[in-house]
C-alpha atoms as a PDB file:
ATOM      1  CA  MET A   1     -29.896   0.580  14.063  1.00  0.00           C
ATOM      2  CA  SER A   2     -26.887  -0.157  12.236  1.00  0.00           C
ATOM      3  CA  GLU A   3     -25.123   3.539  11.003  1.00  0.00           C
ATOM      4  CA  PRO A   4     -23.364   3.436   7.193  1.00  0.00           C
ATOM      5  CA  VAL A   5     -19.732   3.283   7.216  1.00  0.00           C
ATOM      6  CA  ARG A   6     -18.013   6.905   6.985  1.00  0.00           C
ATOM      7  CA  PRO A   7     -15.221   8.507   6.312  1.00  0.00           C
ATOM      8  CA  SER A   8     -14.648   9.115  10.020  1.00  0.00           C
ATOM      9  CA  THR A   9     -15.284   5.800  11.196  1.00  0.00           C
ATOM     10  CA  VAL A  10     -12.734   4.058  13.626  1.00  0.00           C
ATOM     11  CA  LEU A  11     -12.601   0.525  14.252  1.00  0.00           C
ATOM     12  CA  PRO A  12     -11.276  -1.360  17.045  1.00  0.00           C
ATOM     13  CA  ALA A  13      -7.659  -2.781  16.271  1.00  0.00           C
ATOM     14  CA  VAL A  14      -4.428  -3.239  18.686  1.00  0.00           C
ATOM     15  CA  ARG A  15      -2.245   0.418  17.230  1.00  0.00           C
ATOM     16  CA  THR A  16       0.885   0.413  18.129  1.00  0.00           C
ATOM     17  CA  PRO A  17       3.855   3.649  17.087  1.00  0.00           C
ATOM     18  CA  PHE A  18       6.978   2.582  16.048  1.00  0.00           C
ATOM     19  CA  THR A  19      10.380   3.623  14.631  1.00  0.00           C
ATOM     20  CA  VAL A  20      12.467   1.791  12.658  1.00  0.00           C
ATOM     21  CA  THR A  21      16.003   2.955  12.040  1.00  0.00           C
ATOM     22  CA  THR A  22      17.654   2.600   7.533  1.00  0.00           C
ATOM     23  CA  GLU A  23      21.025   1.736   7.218  1.00  0.00           C
ATOM     24  CA  ASP A  24      21.934   4.626   6.210  1.00  0.00           C
ATOM     25  CA  GLY A  25      20.658   6.051   9.371  1.00  0.00           C
ATOM     26  CA  CYS A  26      17.021   7.700   8.851  1.00  0.00           C
ATOM     27  CA  VAL A  27      14.687   7.584  11.583  1.00  0.00           C
ATOM     28  CA  LEU A  28      10.738   6.520   9.872  1.00  0.00           C
ATOM     29  CA  ILE A  29       8.476   6.682  11.925  1.00  0.00           C
ATOM     30  CA  GLY A  30       4.718   4.667  11.466  1.00  0.00           C
ATOM     31  CA  GLU A  31       1.961   3.043  13.038  1.00  0.00           C
ATOM     32  CA  VAL A  32       1.076  -0.727  12.625  1.00  0.00           C
ATOM     33  CA  ALA A  33      -3.036  -1.397  13.209  1.00  0.00           C
ATOM     34  CA  ALA A  34      -3.205  -5.150  14.230  1.00  0.00           C
ATOM     35  CA  PRO A  35      -6.938  -7.059  14.611  1.00  0.00           C
ATOM     36  CA  LEU A  36      -8.409  -7.689  17.900  1.00  0.00           C
ATOM     37  CA  SER A  37      -8.141 -11.830  17.235  1.00  0.00           C
ATOM     38  CA  ASN A  38      -8.534 -13.733  14.087  1.00  0.00           C
ATOM     39  CA  PRO A  39      -5.378 -12.687  11.320  1.00  0.00           C
ATOM     40  CA  THR A  40      -5.292 -13.332   8.452  1.00  0.00           C
ATOM     41  CA  ALA A  41      -3.150 -11.107   5.830  1.00  0.00           C
ATOM     42  CA  THR A  42      -0.757  -8.161   6.677  1.00  0.00           C
ATOM     43  CA  LEU A  43      -0.520  -5.022   3.912  1.00  0.00           C
ATOM     44  CA  LEU A  44       3.376  -2.550   4.281  1.00  0.00           C
ATOM     45  CA  MET A  45       2.208   0.693   2.874  1.00  0.00           C
ATOM     46  CA  LEU A  46       3.874   2.802   0.790  1.00  0.00           C
ATOM     47  CA  HIS A  47       2.542   5.582   0.205  1.00  0.00           C
ATOM     48  CA  PRO A  48       2.252   8.433  -2.305  1.00  0.00           C
ATOM     49  CA  ASN A  49       4.595  11.008  -3.332  1.00  0.00           C
ATOM     50  CA  PRO A  50       5.072  13.381  -0.562  1.00  0.00           C
ATOM     51  CA  THR A  51       5.987  16.455  -2.836  1.00  0.00           C
ATOM     52  CA  GLY A  52       2.185  16.642  -3.645  1.00  0.00           C
ATOM     53  CA  GLY A  53       1.261  15.825   0.413  1.00  0.00           C
ATOM     54  CA  GLY A  54       1.754  12.122  -0.137  1.00  0.00           C
ATOM     55  CA  MET A  55       2.222  10.465   3.776  1.00  0.00           C
ATOM     56  CA  MET A  56       1.332   7.313   5.915  1.00  0.00           C
ATOM     57  CA  ASP A  57      -2.138   9.398   6.447  1.00  0.00           C
ATOM     58  CA  SER A  58      -3.193   9.265   3.147  1.00  0.00           C
ATOM     59  CA  HIS A  59      -7.086   9.191   3.064  1.00  0.00           C
ATOM     60  CA  ILE A  60      -7.049   5.283   1.410  1.00  0.00           C
ATOM     61  CA  TYR A  61      -3.848   3.470   3.753  1.00  0.00           C
ATOM     62  CA  LYS A  62      -5.699   5.647   7.228  1.00  0.00           C
ATOM     63  CA  LYS A  63      -8.898   4.637   6.318  1.00  0.00           C
ATOM     64  CA  ALA A  64      -7.644   0.999   5.749  1.00  0.00           C
ATOM     65  CA  ALA A  65      -6.106   1.538   8.625  1.00  0.00           C
ATOM     66  CA  ASN A  66      -9.124   2.528  10.716  1.00  0.00           C
ATOM     67  CA  ARG A  67     -11.327  -0.345   9.265  1.00  0.00           C
ATOM     68  CA  LEU A  68      -9.634  -3.574   7.795  1.00  0.00           C
ATOM     69  CA  PRO A  69      -8.422  -4.854  11.372  1.00  0.00           C
ATOM     70  CA  THR A  70     -11.828  -5.588  12.398  1.00  0.00           C
ATOM     71  CA  MET A  71     -13.581  -6.254   9.152  1.00  0.00           C
ATOM     72  CA  ALA A  72     -10.671  -8.501   7.363  1.00  0.00           C
ATOM     73  CA  GLY A  73      -8.608  -9.492   9.976  1.00  0.00           C
ATOM     74  CA  ILE A  74      -5.441  -7.971   8.399  1.00  0.00           C
ATOM     75  CA  THR A  75      -2.757  -5.854  10.371  1.00  0.00           C
ATOM     76  CA  THR A  76      -1.940  -2.633   8.445  1.00  0.00           C
ATOM     77  CA  VAL A  77       1.364  -1.168   8.513  1.00  0.00           C
ATOM     78  CA  ARG A  78       1.975   2.439   7.494  1.00  0.00           C
ATOM     79  CA  PHE A  79       4.862   4.581   7.811  1.00  0.00           C
ATOM     80  CA  ASN A  80       6.706   7.615   6.341  1.00  0.00           C
ATOM     81  CA  THR A  81       8.901   7.338   4.301  1.00  0.00           C
ATOM     82  CA  ARG A  82      12.369   9.986   5.181  1.00  0.00           C
ATOM     83  CA  GLY A  83      12.135  13.447   5.037  1.00  0.00           C
ATOM     84  CA  THR A  84       8.029  12.877   4.415  1.00  0.00           C
ATOM     85  CA  THR A  85       5.448  14.343   8.015  1.00  0.00           C
ATOM     86  CA  SER A  86       2.250  13.403   9.122  1.00  0.00           C
ATOM     87  CA  GLU A  87       0.071  13.751  12.412  1.00  0.00           C
ATOM     88  CA  ALA A  88       2.218  11.098  13.926  1.00  0.00           C
ATOM     89  CA  GLY A  89       5.501  13.473  13.060  1.00  0.00           C
ATOM     90  CA  THR A  90       8.040  13.633  10.709  1.00  0.00           C
ATOM     91  CA  SER A  91      10.688  10.833   9.154  1.00  0.00           C
ATOM     92  CA  THR A  92      14.474  12.038   9.476  1.00  0.00           C
ATOM     93  CA  GLY A  93      15.678  12.301   6.073  1.00  0.00           C
ATOM     94  CA  THR A  94      15.541  14.105   2.739  1.00  0.00           C
ATOM     95  CA  TYR A  95      13.019  13.028  -0.145  1.00  0.00           C
ATOM     96  CA  GLY A  96      15.259  10.918  -2.719  1.00  0.00           C
ATOM     97  CA  ASP A  97      12.925  10.590  -5.751  1.00  0.00           C
ATOM     98  CA  GLY A  98      12.356   6.967  -5.396  1.00  0.00           C
ATOM     99  CA  ILE A  99      16.166   6.011  -4.942  1.00  0.00           C
ATOM    100  CA  SER A 100      17.683   6.459  -1.340  1.00  0.00           C
ATOM    101  CA  GLU A 101      14.054   5.402  -0.513  1.00  0.00           C
ATOM    102  CA  ARG A 102      15.606   2.411  -1.688  1.00  0.00           C
ATOM    103  CA  PHE A 103      16.816   1.912   2.294  1.00  0.00           C
ATOM    104  CA  ASP A 104      13.263   2.487   3.878  1.00  0.00           C
ATOM    105  CA  VAL A 105      11.935  -0.212   1.746  1.00  0.00           C
ATOM    106  CA  GLN A 106      14.479  -2.583   2.584  1.00  0.00           C
ATOM    107  CA  ALA A 107      14.202  -1.695   6.684  1.00  0.00           C
ATOM    108  CA  MET A 108      10.568  -1.900   6.359  1.00  0.00           C
ATOM    109  CA  GLU A 109      10.505  -5.609   5.271  1.00  0.00           C
ATOM    110  CA  ARG A 110      12.983  -6.206   7.525  1.00  0.00           C
ATOM    111  CA  TYR A 111      10.875  -4.629  10.408  1.00  0.00           C
ATOM    112  CA  VAL A 112       7.834  -6.059   9.119  1.00  0.00           C
ATOM    113  CA  LEU A 113       9.339 -10.108   8.742  1.00  0.00           C
ATOM    114  CA  ASP A 114      11.841 -10.260  11.347  1.00  0.00           C
ATOM    115  CA  GLU A 115      10.912  -8.110  14.432  1.00  0.00           C
ATOM    116  CA  LEU A 116       6.962  -8.597  14.304  1.00  0.00           C
ATOM    117  CA  LYS A 117       7.653 -12.114  12.292  1.00  0.00           C
ATOM    118  CA  LEU A 118       3.904 -10.849  11.196  1.00  0.00           C
ATOM    119  CA  GLU A 119       2.839 -13.545   7.659  1.00  0.00           C
ATOM    120  CA  ASN A 120       0.726 -13.237   4.872  1.00  0.00           C
ATOM    121  CA  VAL A 121       2.676  -9.941   3.607  1.00  0.00           C
ATOM    122  CA  TRP A 122       2.226  -7.889   0.997  1.00  0.00           C
ATOM    123  CA  VAL A 123       3.102  -4.986  -0.553  1.00  0.00           C
ATOM    124  CA  VAL A 124       0.490  -2.169  -1.061  1.00  0.00           C
ATOM    125  CA  GLY A 125       1.880   0.885  -3.184  1.00  0.00           C
ATOM    126  CA  TRP A 126      -0.286   4.258  -4.228  1.00  0.00           C
ATOM    127  CA  SER A 127       1.361   6.413  -6.996  1.00  0.00           C
ATOM    128  CA  PHE A 128       4.765   7.201  -5.837  1.00  0.00           C
ATOM    129  CA  GLY A 129       4.389   4.332  -3.517  1.00  0.00           C
ATOM    130  CA  THR A 130       3.836   1.595  -6.617  1.00  0.00           C
ATOM    131  CA  GLU A 131       6.829   3.135  -8.183  1.00  0.00           C
ATOM    132  CA  ILE A 132       9.403   2.028  -4.902  1.00  0.00           C
ATOM    133  CA  ALA A 133       7.860  -1.386  -4.796  1.00  0.00           C
ATOM    134  CA  LEU A 134       8.612  -2.032  -8.023  1.00  0.00           C
ATOM    135  CA  LYS A 135      11.959  -0.705  -7.822  1.00  0.00           C
ATOM    136  CA  HIS A 136      12.966  -2.078  -4.146  1.00  0.00           C
ATOM    137  CA  VAL A 137      11.061  -4.991  -2.658  1.00  0.00           C
ATOM    138  CA  SER A 138      13.325  -7.652  -2.745  1.00  0.00           C
ATOM    139  CA  ASP A 139      12.657 -10.036   0.181  1.00  0.00           C
ATOM    140  CA  PRO A 140      11.198 -13.790  -1.317  1.00  0.00           C
ATOM    141  CA  ARG A 141       8.466 -13.393   2.213  1.00  0.00           C
ATOM    142  CA  ILE A 142       6.695 -11.052   0.179  1.00  0.00           C
ATOM    143  CA  LYS A 143       3.692 -12.271  -1.170  1.00  0.00           C
ATOM    144  CA  GLY A 144       3.462  -9.873  -3.693  1.00  0.00           C
ATOM    145  CA  LEU A 145       2.174  -6.355  -4.942  1.00  0.00           C
ATOM    146  CA  ILE A 146      -0.966  -4.430  -4.847  1.00  0.00           C
ATOM    147  CA  LEU A 147      -0.705  -1.311  -7.094  1.00  0.00           C
ATOM    148  CA  LEU A 148      -3.050   1.348  -7.053  1.00  0.00           C
ATOM    149  CA  SER A 149      -2.701   4.437  -9.451  1.00  0.00           C
ATOM    150  CA  PRO A 150       0.431   3.309 -11.200  1.00  0.00           C
ATOM    151  CA  PRO A 151       2.195   6.323 -12.896  1.00  0.00           C
ATOM    152  CA  MET A 152       5.046   4.373 -13.905  1.00  0.00           C
ATOM    153  CA  MET A 153       6.913   7.148 -14.076  1.00  0.00           C
ATOM    154  CA  LYS A 154      10.057   5.779 -12.067  1.00  0.00           C
ATOM    155  CA  ALA A 155      10.033   2.002 -12.458  1.00  0.00           C
ATOM    156  CA  SER A 156      11.988   0.886 -15.352  1.00  0.00           C
ATOM    157  CA  LYS A 157      12.311  -2.062 -17.944  1.00  0.00           C
ATOM    158  CA  SER A 158      14.596  -3.682 -15.516  1.00  0.00           C
ATOM    159  CA  ASP A 159      12.278  -3.395 -13.154  1.00  0.00           C
ATOM    160  CA  LEU A 160       9.339  -5.465 -14.384  1.00  0.00           C
ATOM    161  CA  GLU A 161      11.616  -7.912 -16.064  1.00  0.00           C
ATOM    162  CA  ARG A 162      12.724  -8.199 -12.406  1.00  0.00           C
ATOM    163  CA  TRP A 163       8.856  -9.239 -11.508  1.00  0.00           C
ATOM    164  CA  ALA A 164       8.182 -11.135 -14.096  1.00  0.00           C
ATOM    165  CA  ALA A 165      11.702 -13.068 -14.026  1.00  0.00           C
ATOM    166  CA  ASP A 166      10.340 -13.533 -10.402  1.00  0.00           C
ATOM    167  CA  ALA A 167       6.715 -14.685 -10.881  1.00  0.00           C
ATOM    168  CA  ARG A 168       5.070 -13.500  -8.158  1.00  0.00           C
ATOM    169  CA  PRO A 169       1.667 -11.907  -8.432  1.00  0.00           C
ATOM    170  CA  VAL A 170       1.296  -7.747  -8.691  1.00  0.00           C
ATOM    171  CA  ILE A 171      -2.107  -7.091  -9.195  1.00  0.00           C
ATOM    172  CA  ALA A 172      -2.736  -3.172 -10.387  1.00  0.00           C
ATOM    173  CA  LEU A 173      -5.709  -0.976  -9.872  1.00  0.00           C
ATOM    174  CA  ILE A 174      -5.800   1.803 -12.604  1.00  0.00           C
ATOM    175  CA  PRO A 175      -8.366   4.465 -12.255  1.00  0.00           C
ATOM    176  CA  GLU A 176     -10.541   4.681 -15.676  1.00  0.00           C
ATOM    177  CA  PHE A 177      -9.955   9.077 -15.201  1.00  0.00           C
ATOM    178  CA  ASP A 178      -6.511   8.605 -14.111  1.00  0.00           C
ATOM    179  CA  ASP A 179      -3.810  11.789 -14.166  1.00  0.00           C
ATOM    180  CA  TYR A 180      -0.911   9.555 -14.994  1.00  0.00           C
ATOM    181  CA  LEU A 181      -2.134   6.316 -16.480  1.00  0.00           C
ATOM    182  CA  THR A 182      -4.933   5.472 -18.198  1.00  0.00           C
ATOM    183  CA  PRO A 183      -6.812   1.784 -18.934  1.00  0.00           C
ATOM    184  CA  VAL A 184      -5.867   1.803 -22.457  1.00  0.00           C
ATOM    185  CA  GLU A 185      -2.127   2.715 -21.717  1.00  0.00           C
ATOM    186  CA  ALA A 186      -1.649   0.310 -19.146  1.00  0.00           C
ATOM    187  CA  PRO A 187      -0.897  -2.776 -20.719  1.00  0.00           C
ATOM    188  CA  PHE A 188       2.052  -0.964 -22.662  1.00  0.00           C
ATOM    189  CA  LYS A 189       3.462   0.385 -19.954  1.00  0.00           C
ATOM    190  CA  PHE A 190       3.378  -3.399 -17.961  1.00  0.00           C
ATOM    191  CA  ARG A 191       4.319  -5.368 -20.852  1.00  0.00           C
ATOM    192  CA  GLU A 192       7.225  -6.883 -19.550  1.00  0.00           C
ATOM    193  CA  LEU A 193       5.250  -8.082 -16.906  1.00  0.00           C
ATOM    194  CA  THR A 194       3.505 -10.771 -18.037  1.00  0.00           C
ATOM    195  CA  GLN A 195       1.975 -12.125 -14.851  1.00  0.00           C
ATOM    196  CA  ILE A 196       0.580  -8.437 -14.352  1.00  0.00           C
ATOM    197  CA  LYS A 197      -3.176  -8.535 -13.349  1.00  0.00           C
ATOM    198  CA  LEU A 198      -4.969  -5.229 -14.463  1.00  0.00           C
ATOM    199  CA  ILE A 199      -8.541  -4.313 -12.859  1.00  0.00           C
ATOM    200  CA  ASN A 200      -9.513  -1.362 -14.541  1.00  0.00           C
ATOM    201  CA  VAL A 201     -11.923   0.722 -12.354  1.00  0.00           C
ATOM    202  CA  ASP A 202     -14.796   2.355 -14.018  1.00  0.00           C
ATOM    203  CA  GLY A 203     -15.269   6.018 -12.903  1.00  0.00           C
ATOM    204  CA  ALA A 204     -12.468   6.089 -10.367  1.00  0.00           C
ATOM    205  CA  LYS A 205      -9.718   8.932 -10.716  1.00  0.00           C
ATOM    206  CA  HIS A 206      -5.808   9.133  -8.940  1.00  0.00           C
ATOM    207  CA  LEU A 207      -6.924   9.664  -5.299  1.00  0.00           C
ATOM    208  CA  TRP A 208      -9.632   7.486  -5.039  1.00  0.00           C
ATOM    209  CA  VAL A 209     -11.907   9.920  -3.367  1.00  0.00           C
ATOM    210  CA  GLY A 210     -15.479   9.156  -1.928  1.00  0.00           C
ATOM    211  CA  GLU A 211     -16.830   6.645   0.024  1.00  0.00           C
ATOM    212  CA  PRO A 212     -17.772   4.124  -2.898  1.00  0.00           C
ATOM    213  CA  ALA A 213     -13.568   4.086  -4.127  1.00  0.00           C
ATOM    214  CA  VAL A 214     -12.723   3.859  -1.186  1.00  0.00           C
ATOM    215  CA  HIS A 215     -14.838   1.255  -0.409  1.00  0.00           C
ATOM    216  CA  ARG A 216     -14.067  -0.503  -4.099  1.00  0.00           C
ATOM    217  CA  VAL A 217     -10.490  -0.490  -3.402  1.00  0.00           C
ATOM    218  CA  LEU A 218     -10.335  -1.626   0.167  1.00  0.00           C
ATOM    219  CA  THR A 219     -12.192  -4.580  -1.816  1.00  0.00           C
ATOM    220  CA  GLU A 220     -10.063  -4.948  -3.940  1.00  0.00           C
ATOM    221  CA  ILE A 221      -7.493  -5.472  -2.079  1.00  0.00           C
ATOM    222  CA  VAL A 222      -9.317  -7.894   0.397  1.00  0.00           C
ATOM    223  CA  ASN A 223      -9.935  -9.961  -2.069  1.00  0.00           C
ATOM    224  CA  ILE A 224      -6.553 -10.442  -3.006  1.00  0.00           C
ATOM    225  CA  VAL A 225      -5.156 -11.287   0.916  1.00  0.00           C
ATOM    226  CA  ALA A 226      -7.870 -12.629   2.531  1.00  0.00           C
ATOM    227  CA  PRO A 227     -11.101 -13.066  -0.035  1.00  0.00           C
ATOM    228  CA  SER A 228     -13.148 -15.164   3.147  1.00  0.00           C
ATOM    229  CA  ARG A 229     -13.695 -12.071   4.174  1.00  0.00           C
ATOM    230  CA  LEU A 230     -15.707 -10.205   1.928  1.00  0.00           C
ATOM    231  CA  PRO A 231     -18.096  -8.900   1.469  1.00  0.00           C
ATOM    232  CA  LEU A 232     -16.714  -5.216   3.011  1.00  0.00           C
ATOM    233  CA  PRO A 233     -19.754  -4.146   5.269  1.00  0.00           C
ATOM    234  CA  THR A 234     -20.931  -0.635   4.508  1.00  0.00           C
ATOM    235  CA  GLU A 235     -23.358  -0.523   7.680  1.00  0.00           C
ATOM    236  CA  LEU A 236     -22.448  -1.133  10.989  1.00  0.00           C
END
């Protein structure tokens, strides 16, 4: 008898903890969750602001790591930015308000692409993670950006112009009831980033609470990076 996918559902994957040292000497902790077979894509995941409790285990990211390797063949790479704590431990260093996190992003790009040699790599940012993605992702081998609930409080006009000139895809999920950036405001805030695709999500909030919201976010991500693996199951 099948059972519904629940918040606590954990599906098989190869789960490997890691540490990465940044150029300025911070030691970042994280986990790779890889599919047992038939890999399709990789997500490098940049978490919400640690000053508000954001970390590598923020619920959308934890559920992505628990489900997507099996459901969609996707490898998830989650980590704590400098000074951030999760159940796995604390990355060294001090929160840098999105500035010194440049070293974290660059170190993780090198780790995923050069050391792990993963392919079809996309960066997913959520809230604060969208800001550091827009500001600091730079490796040309990254396929594009997926932005969840972007606040657009730290990313600058020049950051958007850089991505517009780059022309790689940028997709943003904008909750109807977001606390920081609503669907009405988003086209204006992203006006310099001409190739952006804005996906407005009715009824959603900044934190994507509830299983329907989680399913919607994961479905949109898979539709971008591994569409052949849709639809995602709601029962197992």
